[in-house]
Amino acid sequence: MDGDLPIRGATVTITHEVAVDLEAVRQVYALRPLSQELVSLLNPEVSLTDLAQDISEVGYPHPDQEPT
């Protein structure tokens, strides 16, 4: 991902025809632990539980971990 999040957010909106919450994207980009609220901002049809295996496989921080 490039460092220009406003451009990236616009690209996601154009490519997928879905508006994204730029602050939510910033949180993920900063490797902040995911919460159900954050996941819902990005995709209201997906739960944090649905993502548990993917989160574990990629080593994304758990809620009790700080980003490295």
Protein backbone atom coordinates (compact mmCIF):
# COMPACT_ATOMS: atom_id res chain seq x y z
CA MET A 1 0.00 0.00 0.00
CA ASP A 2 1.31 3.44 -0.78
CA GLY A 3 1.55 6.17 1.86
CA ASP A 4 -1.13 8.38 0.31
CA LEU A 5 -4.29 7.13 2.00
CA PRO A 6 -6.68 9.70 0.50
CA ILE A 7 -5.64 8.52 -2.97
CA ARG A 8 -5.86 4.87 -1.87
CA GLY A 9 -9.34 5.45 -0.42
CA ALA A 10 -10.48 7.01 -3.67
CA THR A 11 -9.00 4.09 -5.59
CA VAL A 12 -10.89 1.57 -3.45
CA THR A 13 -14.11 3.51 -3.97
CA ILE A 14 -13.64 3.62 -7.73
CA THR A 15 -12.41 0.04 -8.13
CA HIS A 16 -15.00 -1.65 -5.92
CA GLU A 17 -17.77 0.95 -6.19
CA VAL A 18 -18.03 0.99 -2.40
CA ALA A 19 -17.30 3.98 -0.21
CA VAL A 20 -14.84 3.15 2.56
CA ASP A 21 -14.35 4.84 5.89
CA LEU A 22 -10.93 6.42 5.51
CA GLU A 23 -10.33 6.51 9.26
CA ALA A 24 -11.01 2.76 9.41
CA VAL A 25 -8.50 2.21 6.61
CA ARG A 26 -5.96 4.31 8.53
CA GLN A 27 -6.49 2.13 11.62
CA VAL A 28 -5.83 -1.06 9.63
CA TYR A 29 -2.87 0.53 7.84
CA ALA A 30 -1.42 1.42 11.28
CA LEU A 31 -1.94 -2.24 12.37
CA ARG A 32 -4.31 -1.28 15.17
CA PRO A 33 -6.02 -4.34 16.62
CA LEU A 34 -9.32 -5.08 14.94
CA SER A 35 -12.59 -4.67 16.77
CA GLN A 36 -16.05 -5.61 15.58
CA GLU A 37 -16.78 -1.90 15.19
CA LEU A 38 -13.78 -1.41 12.91
CA VAL A 39 -14.58 -4.51 10.86
CA SER A 40 -18.18 -3.34 10.47
CA LEU A 41 -17.03 0.07 9.22
CA LEU A 42 -15.13 -1.71 6.47
CA ASN A 43 -17.70 -4.40 5.70
CA PRO A 44 -20.94 -4.61 7.69
CA GLU A 45 -21.58 -8.11 6.33
CA VAL A 46 -18.47 -9.62 7.96
CA SER A 47 -17.90 -10.33 11.64
CA LEU A 48 -14.65 -10.34 13.54
CA THR A 49 -15.33 -14.04 14.20
CA ASP A 50 -15.56 -14.64 10.45
CA LEU A 51 -12.06 -13.17 10.09
CA ALA A 52 -10.44 -14.98 13.04
CA GLN A 53 -8.56 -17.58 10.98
CA ASP A 54 -7.41 -15.01 8.39
CA ILE A 55 -6.25 -12.65 11.16
CA SER A 56 -4.28 -15.46 12.77
CA GLU A 57 -2.75 -16.64 9.48
CA VAL A 58 -1.40 -13.22 8.54
CA GLY A 59 -0.21 -12.41 12.06
CA TYR A 60 -2.38 -9.31 12.42
CA PRO A 61 -2.25 -7.92 16.00
CA HIS A 62 -4.72 -9.30 18.53
CA PRO A 63 -6.76 -6.84 20.62
CA ASP A 64 -4.40 -7.30 23.58
CA GLN A 65 -1.27 -6.63 21.49
CA GLU A 66 0.27 -3.33 20.50
CA PRO A 67 1.59 -2.99 16.94
CA THR A 68 5.29 -3.75 16.51
